Amino acid sequence: MARRSDARQRSGPSMADVAALAGVSAQTVSRVSMGLDNVAPPTREKVLAAMGQLGYAPNGAARALRYGSFGTIGMIAHRLARTGESRTVEAVVEAARARGYTVTLVDLESPSPGDVSAAVARLSHQAIDGLVIVRAEIATPETLALPRRLPVVVSDSRFVGHHPAVGADQTGGVRLAVQHLLDLGHRTVHHLAGPADSGPAQLRVEAWRATLAEAGRPVPAVAEGDWTAAAGYQIGHRLAADPDVTAVLCANDETATGVLHAFHEAGRRVPDDVSVVGFDGILLAEHLLPPLTTVAQDFDEIGRRLVDLLLRQVRDGEDLTGAHEEVPTRLVVRASTAPPR
């Protein structure tokens, strides 16, 4: 008996131990560990508390053999310091946790098709049920090698028709911002864009140009940044030296922060002399001086939809190859925009 007891202690607590401590059945413990929804919240909390008290961790390999699921989602991202990537990753992790899944993340050094494909290969050999690609950047459906049977969802509209995709309405958001500035009376709108290798940045450039052209307004030369406040500050000084610049749409809110700094140093008052609009809707934007008008993205909803599309493939076996969900953006008007003098 002593030997059997020692062996049990070395192997760790069992599902039966958790069930006994929580006062539920082993089947209920199994449902909680799988993240299934048919468990009452108070019961789920008791089971989770018992798991924590005992130090119980579900066996992923055993779960996969029994249920065909590891309970883990793979995720590939690039440049997590950027707002869009970090907020999307955070939203996916939260949405996955709510559905009973953990996330294994690979952060790429470069967005090349080879690096993305290599990361996919590494993850696909691990115990994952499906894959979320936050942004493939310069990779295309033709250059990105993905395992045929691995459920995949991409936060990138360029993969529509090849893989399920979820993204913000970049075009609609830019049109709202540009039209807002034109309606205030600005003759045209200058654009400080993101990098040329970014899909969202190029979508925003195209929407900016199209909106100005459709309105019969001059289309200035685009200024290319790199999403950072430092680039906004540097390019902002050049824009501040041009008296014809009265309205600027920035690639994101961080870039707009640098532009506001540059205009302040140059003596160009915002919004009296020049109006500035950002993109993303970060929390800091409303606390800038002046508070920043911005196009807000709903990153939480993007994360929820990415996980939902992925788990519909994992759990239900749905073929969602052509699925494309676009999450609306909204214009948040604050004190950084006003009619030109």
Protein backbone atom coordinates (compact mmCIF):
# COMPACT_ATOMS: atom_id res chain seq x y z
CA MET A 1 0.00 0.00 0.00
CA ALA A 2 2.84 2.38 0.83
CA ARG A 3 4.42 1.82 -2.58
CA ARG A 4 1.12 2.46 -4.37
CA SER A 5 0.58 5.67 -2.36
CA ASP A 6 4.11 6.90 -3.13
CA ALA A 7 3.62 6.23 -6.84
CA ARG A 8 0.36 8.15 -6.82
CA GLN A 9 1.99 11.16 -5.14
CA ARG A 10 4.79 11.16 -7.70
CA SER A 11 2.32 11.03 -10.61
CA GLY A 12 0.44 14.04 -9.28
CA PRO A 13 -3.25 14.62 -8.52
CA SER A 14 -5.81 12.90 -10.72
CA MET A 15 -9.10 14.01 -12.20
CA ALA A 16 -10.80 11.92 -9.50
CA ASP A 17 -8.96 13.88 -6.80
CA VAL A 18 -10.21 17.16 -8.28
CA ALA A 19 -13.75 15.80 -8.53
CA ALA A 20 -13.70 14.69 -4.88
CA LEU A 21 -12.41 18.04 -3.62
CA ALA A 22 -14.89 20.04 -5.71
CA GLY A 23 -17.79 17.70 -4.91
CA VAL A 24 -18.59 17.03 -8.57
CA SER A 25 -18.31 14.14 -10.99
CA ALA A 26 -15.17 13.31 -12.94
CA GLN A 27 -17.17 14.02 -16.09
CA THR A 28 -17.76 17.60 -14.91
CA VAL A 29 -14.03 18.04 -14.28
CA SER A 30 -13.39 16.74 -17.79
CA ARG A 31 -15.83 19.26 -19.26
CA VAL A 32 -14.18 22.13 -17.41
CA SER A 33 -10.69 21.06 -18.50
CA MET A 34 -11.91 20.89 -22.12
CA GLY A 35 -13.44 24.36 -21.92
CA LEU A 36 -16.93 23.16 -22.76
CA ASP A 37 -19.81 25.58 -22.19
CA ASN A 38 -22.31 23.17 -20.58
CA VAL A 39 -21.08 23.73 -17.02
CA ALA A 40 -22.75 26.20 -14.66
CA PRO A 41 -20.42 29.12 -13.74
CA PRO A 42 -20.47 28.42 -9.97
CA THR A 43 -19.60 24.77 -10.63
CA ARG A 44 -16.84 25.77 -13.03
CA GLU A 45 -15.35 28.08 -10.39
CA LYS A 46 -15.36 25.26 -7.80
CA VAL A 47 -13.61 22.92 -10.21
CA LEU A 48 -11.01 25.53 -11.19
CA ALA A 49 -10.38 26.32 -7.52
CA ALA A 50 -9.87 22.61 -6.79
CA MET A 51 -7.49 22.31 -9.75
CA GLY A 52 -5.48 25.23 -8.42
CA GLN A 53 -5.42 23.93 -4.86
CA LEU A 54 -4.23 20.49 -5.93
CA GLY A 55 -1.94 21.69 -8.72
CA TYR A 56 -3.81 19.59 -11.26
CA ALA A 57 -3.01 20.11 -14.96
CA PRO A 58 -4.96 18.23 -17.66
CA ASN A 59 -2.81 15.86 -19.70
CA GLY A 60 -2.76 17.32 -23.20
CA ALA A 61 -1.62 14.14 -24.91
CA ALA A 62 -4.30 12.03 -23.21
CA ARG A 63 -6.91 14.63 -24.06
CA ALA A 64 -5.87 14.60 -27.69
CA LEU A 65 -6.08 10.80 -27.88
CA ARG A 66 -9.50 10.75 -26.25
CA TYR A 67 -11.14 13.84 -27.70
CA GLY A 68 -9.01 14.69 -30.76
CA SER A 69 -8.01 18.04 -29.24
CA PHE A 70 -4.92 19.41 -27.49
CA GLY A 71 -6.68 22.51 -26.17
CA THR A 72 -3.94 24.74 -27.61
CA ILE A 73 -3.97 27.31 -30.40
CA GLY A 74 -0.80 28.35 -32.21
CA MET A 75 -0.32 32.03 -33.07
CA ILE A 76 2.20 33.82 -35.28
CA ALA A 77 2.78 37.56 -34.94
CA HIS A 78 5.39 40.11 -36.00
CA ARG A 79 6.61 43.18 -34.09
CA LEU A 80 4.55 42.90 -30.94
CA ALA A 81 5.59 46.41 -29.93
CA ARG A 82 3.13 47.76 -32.51
CA THR A 83 -0.35 48.56 -31.27
CA GLY A 84 -2.31 46.57 -33.85
CA GLU A 85 -0.32 43.39 -33.32
CA SER A 86 -0.14 43.57 -29.52
CA ARG A 87 -3.83 44.42 -29.11
CA THR A 88 -4.86 41.64 -31.50
CA VAL A 89 -2.63 39.08 -29.75
CA GLU A 90 -4.06 40.11 -26.38
CA ALA A 91 -7.61 39.80 -27.71
CA VAL A 92 -6.96 36.34 -29.19
CA VAL A 93 -5.44 35.12 -25.91
CA GLU A 94 -8.45 36.37 -23.93
CA ALA A 95 -10.96 34.89 -26.39
CA ALA A 96 -9.11 31.56 -26.42
CA ARG A 97 -9.01 31.46 -22.62
CA ALA A 98 -12.77 32.04 -22.48
CA ARG A 99 -13.22 28.98 -24.72
CA GLY A 100 -10.89 26.79 -22.66
CA TYR A 101 -7.82 27.02 -24.90
CA THR A 102 -4.26 28.14 -24.26
CA VAL A 103 -2.09 29.92 -26.85
CA THR A 104 1.43 29.18 -28.06
CA LEU A 105 2.95 32.32 -29.60
CA VAL A 106 5.81 32.71 -32.07
CA ASP A 107 7.00 36.31 -32.58
CA LEU A 108 8.84 36.65 -35.90
CA GLU A 109 11.96 38.72 -36.40
CA SER A 110 11.06 39.41 -40.02
CA PRO A 111 7.83 39.15 -42.05
CA SER A 112 9.42 37.31 -44.99
CA PRO A 113 7.42 34.41 -46.48
CA GLY A 114 10.26 32.04 -45.57
CA ASP A 115 10.27 33.06 -41.90
CA VAL A 116 6.48 32.85 -41.66
CA SER A 117 6.45 29.43 -43.31
CA ALA A 118 9.23 28.22 -41.01
CA ALA A 119 7.29 29.38 -37.97
CA VAL A 120 4.20 27.56 -39.25
CA ALA A 121 6.24 24.39 -39.66
CA ARG A 122 7.57 24.64 -36.08
CA LEU A 123 4.13 25.17 -34.62
CA SER A 124 2.47 22.49 -36.73
CA HIS A 125 4.84 19.91 -35.23
CA GLN A 126 3.77 20.91 -31.74
CA ALA A 127 0.55 19.96 -29.98
CA ILE A 128 -1.77 22.60 -31.46
CA ASP A 129 -5.31 22.29 -32.77
CA GLY A 130 -5.20 25.26 -35.14
CA LEU A 131 -3.29 28.38 -36.11
CA VAL A 132 -3.95 32.13 -35.95
CA ILE A 133 -1.71 34.30 -38.15
CA VAL A 134 -2.02 37.85 -36.86
CA ARG A 135 -0.37 39.35 -39.91
CA ALA A 136 1.50 37.72 -42.76
CA GLU A 137 2.86 41.10 -43.95
CA ILE A 138 4.59 40.59 -47.33
CA ALA A 139 3.67 36.90 -47.58
CA THR A 140 0.92 36.01 -50.05
CA PRO A 141 -1.37 32.98 -50.39
CA GLU A 142 1.00 31.72 -53.09
CA THR A 143 4.20 32.11 -51.05
CA LEU A 144 2.94 31.04 -47.62
CA ALA A 145 3.30 27.28 -47.09
CA LEU A 146 0.65 25.92 -44.70
CA PRO A 147 -0.16 22.30 -43.79
CA ARG A 148 -3.28 21.26 -45.68
CA ARG A 149 -5.16 19.76 -42.76
CA LEU A 150 -4.26 22.39 -40.14
CA PRO A 151 -7.18 24.74 -39.37
CA VAL A 152 -6.00 28.30 -40.01
CA VAL A 153 -7.45 31.80 -39.67
CA VAL A 154 -5.67 34.99 -40.73
CA SER A 155 -6.07 38.60 -39.63
CA ASP A 156 -5.26 39.79 -43.13
CA SER A 157 -7.79 40.46 -45.92
CA ARG A 158 -5.31 39.46 -48.65
CA PHE A 159 -5.96 35.81 -47.79
CA VAL A 160 -9.68 35.98 -48.48
CA GLY A 161 -10.63 33.01 -50.67
CA HIS A 162 -7.63 31.02 -49.44
CA HIS A 163 -8.12 31.00 -45.65
CA PRO A 164 -10.77 32.37 -43.28
CA ALA A 165 -9.92 36.01 -42.55
CA VAL A 166 -10.95 38.65 -40.03
CA GLY A 167 -9.91 42.29 -40.08
CA ALA A 168 -10.92 45.83 -39.34
CA ASP A 169 -12.61 47.93 -42.00
CA GLN A 170 -9.46 49.87 -42.86
CA THR A 171 -10.95 51.46 -45.97
CA GLY A 172 -14.13 52.60 -44.25
CA GLY A 173 -12.18 54.06 -41.34
CA VAL A 174 -9.88 56.09 -43.59
CA ARG A 175 -12.83 57.37 -45.62
CA LEU A 176 -14.53 58.55 -42.43
CA ALA A 177 -11.40 60.41 -41.34
CA VAL A 178 -10.68 62.07 -44.69
CA GLN A 179 -14.30 63.07 -45.22
CA HIS A 180 -14.42 64.52 -41.70
CA LEU A 181 -11.48 66.80 -42.53
CA LEU A 182 -12.89 67.80 -45.91
CA ASP A 183 -16.26 68.57 -44.35
CA LEU A 184 -14.50 70.88 -41.90
CA GLY A 185 -13.34 72.90 -44.91
CA HIS A 186 -9.79 71.68 -45.51
CA ARG A 187 -8.75 71.84 -49.17
CA THR A 188 -6.93 68.52 -48.98
CA VAL A 189 -5.47 66.06 -46.47
CA HIS A 190 -1.84 65.03 -46.18
CA HIS A 191 -1.07 61.46 -45.16
CA LEU A 192 1.79 60.18 -43.03
CA ALA A 193 1.59 56.46 -43.83
CA GLY A 194 2.93 53.26 -42.35
CA PRO A 195 5.71 51.20 -43.97
CA ALA A 196 5.41 49.97 -47.54
CA ASP A 197 5.65 46.29 -46.49
CA SER A 198 2.53 46.53 -44.32
CA GLY A 199 -0.79 45.38 -45.76
CA PRO A 200 -2.95 47.61 -43.51
CA ALA A 201 -0.73 50.62 -44.23
CA GLN A 202 -1.17 50.18 -47.98
CA LEU A 203 -4.93 49.72 -47.64
CA ARG A 204 -5.09 53.03 -45.79
CA VAL A 205 -2.99 54.77 -48.43
CA GLU A 206 -5.27 53.50 -51.20
CA ALA A 207 -8.42 54.59 -49.35
CA TRP A 208 -6.93 58.04 -48.65
CA ARG A 209 -6.03 58.58 -52.29
CA ALA A 210 -9.40 57.31 -53.54
CA THR A 211 -11.40 59.50 -51.17
CA LEU A 212 -9.51 62.65 -52.18
CA ALA A 213 -9.75 61.80 -55.90
CA GLU A 214 -13.49 61.14 -55.69
CA ALA A 215 -13.94 64.51 -53.99
CA GLY A 216 -11.94 66.21 -56.76
CA ARG A 217 -9.25 67.34 -54.31
CA PRO A 218 -5.47 67.45 -54.82
CA VAL A 219 -3.65 64.28 -53.73
CA PRO A 220 -0.36 65.24 -52.03
CA ALA A 221 2.72 63.03 -52.04
CA VAL A 222 2.48 60.41 -49.31
CA ALA A 223 5.06 60.53 -46.50
CA GLU A 224 6.16 57.05 -45.38
CA GLY A 225 6.82 56.35 -41.71
CA ASP A 226 7.28 53.20 -39.65
CA TRP A 227 4.37 53.37 -37.17
CA THR A 228 6.54 55.02 -34.48
CA ALA A 229 6.22 58.35 -32.68
CA ALA A 230 9.85 59.04 -33.64
CA ALA A 231 8.96 58.88 -37.34
CA GLY A 232 5.95 61.10 -36.72
CA TYR A 233 8.16 63.61 -34.95
CA GLN A 234 10.77 63.65 -37.73
CA ILE A 235 8.33 63.86 -40.63
CA GLY A 236 6.09 66.19 -38.61
CA HIS A 237 8.82 68.84 -38.66
CA ARG A 238 8.87 68.69 -42.48
CA LEU A 239 5.09 68.98 -42.63
CA ALA A 240 5.12 71.88 -40.14
CA ALA A 241 7.46 73.82 -42.45
CA ASP A 242 4.89 73.71 -45.27
CA PRO A 243 2.19 76.38 -44.80
CA ASP A 244 -0.11 74.55 -47.24
CA VAL A 245 -0.44 71.66 -44.79
CA THR A 246 -3.63 72.23 -42.79
CA ALA A 247 -4.79 68.64 -42.19
CA VAL A 248 -2.82 65.42 -41.58
CA LEU A 249 -4.08 61.84 -41.38
CA CYS A 250 -1.54 59.72 -39.52
CA ALA A 251 -0.95 55.98 -39.96
CA ASN A 252 -1.64 55.34 -36.29
CA ASP A 253 -1.97 57.10 -32.96
CA GLU A 254 1.71 56.71 -32.04
CA THR A 255 2.73 58.46 -35.25
CA ALA A 256 0.19 61.20 -34.52
CA THR A 257 1.77 61.69 -31.08
CA GLY A 258 5.11 62.49 -32.72
CA VAL A 259 3.40 64.83 -35.19
CA LEU A 260 1.72 66.75 -32.36
CA HIS A 261 5.12 67.12 -30.68
CA ALA A 262 6.75 68.42 -33.87
CA PHE A 263 3.96 70.90 -34.59
CA HIS A 264 4.17 72.23 -31.04
CA GLU A 265 7.91 72.82 -31.35
CA ALA A 266 7.43 74.50 -34.74
CA GLY A 267 4.78 76.86 -33.39
CA ARG A 268 1.99 75.30 -35.50
CA ARG A 269 -1.03 75.16 -33.22
CA VAL A 270 -3.34 72.13 -33.27
CA PRO A 271 -6.13 72.49 -34.29
CA ASP A 272 -5.96 76.27 -34.98
CA ASP A 273 -3.28 76.02 -37.68
CA VAL A 274 -3.45 72.32 -38.58
CA SER A 275 -5.78 69.42 -37.80
CA VAL A 276 -4.40 65.96 -36.92
CA VAL A 277 -6.15 62.56 -37.01
CA GLY A 278 -4.74 59.25 -35.78
CA PHE A 279 -5.75 55.63 -36.31
CA ASP A 280 -6.31 52.71 -33.87
CA GLY A 281 -8.05 54.38 -30.92
CA ILE A 282 -5.49 53.66 -28.17
CA LEU A 283 -6.47 54.69 -24.65
CA LEU A 284 -3.71 57.30 -24.50
CA ALA A 285 -5.19 59.24 -27.43
CA GLU A 286 -7.87 60.96 -25.35
CA HIS A 287 -5.24 62.20 -22.86
CA LEU A 288 -2.93 63.89 -25.37
CA LEU A 289 -2.82 67.67 -25.67
CA PRO A 290 -5.06 68.30 -27.47
CA PRO A 291 -7.07 65.06 -27.22
CA LEU A 292 -6.63 63.22 -30.50
CA THR A 293 -9.32 62.60 -33.09
CA THR A 294 -8.82 59.00 -34.21
CA VAL A 295 -10.29 56.04 -36.06
CA ALA A 296 -10.95 53.37 -33.42
CA GLN A 297 -10.54 49.68 -34.17
CA ASP A 298 -12.40 47.07 -32.10
CA PHE A 299 -9.50 44.72 -31.35
CA ASP A 300 -11.48 42.70 -28.81
CA GLU A 301 -14.10 41.86 -31.42
CA ILE A 302 -11.41 40.98 -33.96
CA GLY A 303 -9.87 38.55 -31.46
CA ARG A 304 -13.21 36.95 -30.65
CA ARG A 305 -14.04 36.44 -34.31
CA LEU A 306 -10.62 34.98 -35.10
CA VAL A 307 -10.99 32.41 -32.34
CA ASP A 308 -14.59 31.68 -33.30
CA LEU A 309 -13.73 30.99 -36.95
CA LEU A 310 -10.80 28.81 -35.92
CA LEU A 311 -12.78 26.72 -33.41
CA ARG A 312 -15.63 26.24 -35.88
CA GLN A 313 -13.05 24.44 -38.00
CA VAL A 314 -11.43 22.61 -35.08
CA ARG A 315 -14.55 21.48 -33.24
CA ASP A 316 -17.18 21.33 -35.97
CA GLY A 317 -15.06 20.56 -39.01
CA GLU A 318 -16.58 23.44 -41.00
CA ASP A 319 -15.04 24.42 -44.33
CA LEU A 320 -14.62 28.19 -43.99
CA THR A 321 -12.09 28.74 -46.78
CA GLY A 322 -13.90 31.73 -48.27
CA ALA A 323 -15.06 33.27 -44.98
CA HIS A 324 -14.23 36.95 -44.54
CA GLU A 325 -15.46 39.00 -41.61
CA GLU A 326 -14.85 42.74 -41.50
CA VAL A 327 -15.16 44.48 -38.15
CA PRO A 328 -16.44 48.09 -38.42
CA THR A 329 -14.26 51.00 -37.37
CA ARG A 330 -15.58 54.29 -35.98
CA LEU A 331 -14.42 57.89 -36.01
CA VAL A 332 -13.90 59.40 -32.56
CA VAL A 333 -13.89 63.19 -32.92
CA ARG A 334 -11.91 65.13 -30.31
CA ALA A 335 -10.18 68.49 -30.05
CA SER A 336 -7.32 67.90 -32.53
CA THR A 337 -9.51 68.72 -35.57
CA ALA A 338 -11.26 71.97 -36.49
CA PRO A 339 -12.03 74.13 -39.55
CA PRO A 340 -8.97 75.77 -41.12
CA ARG A 341 -8.36 79.42 -40.35
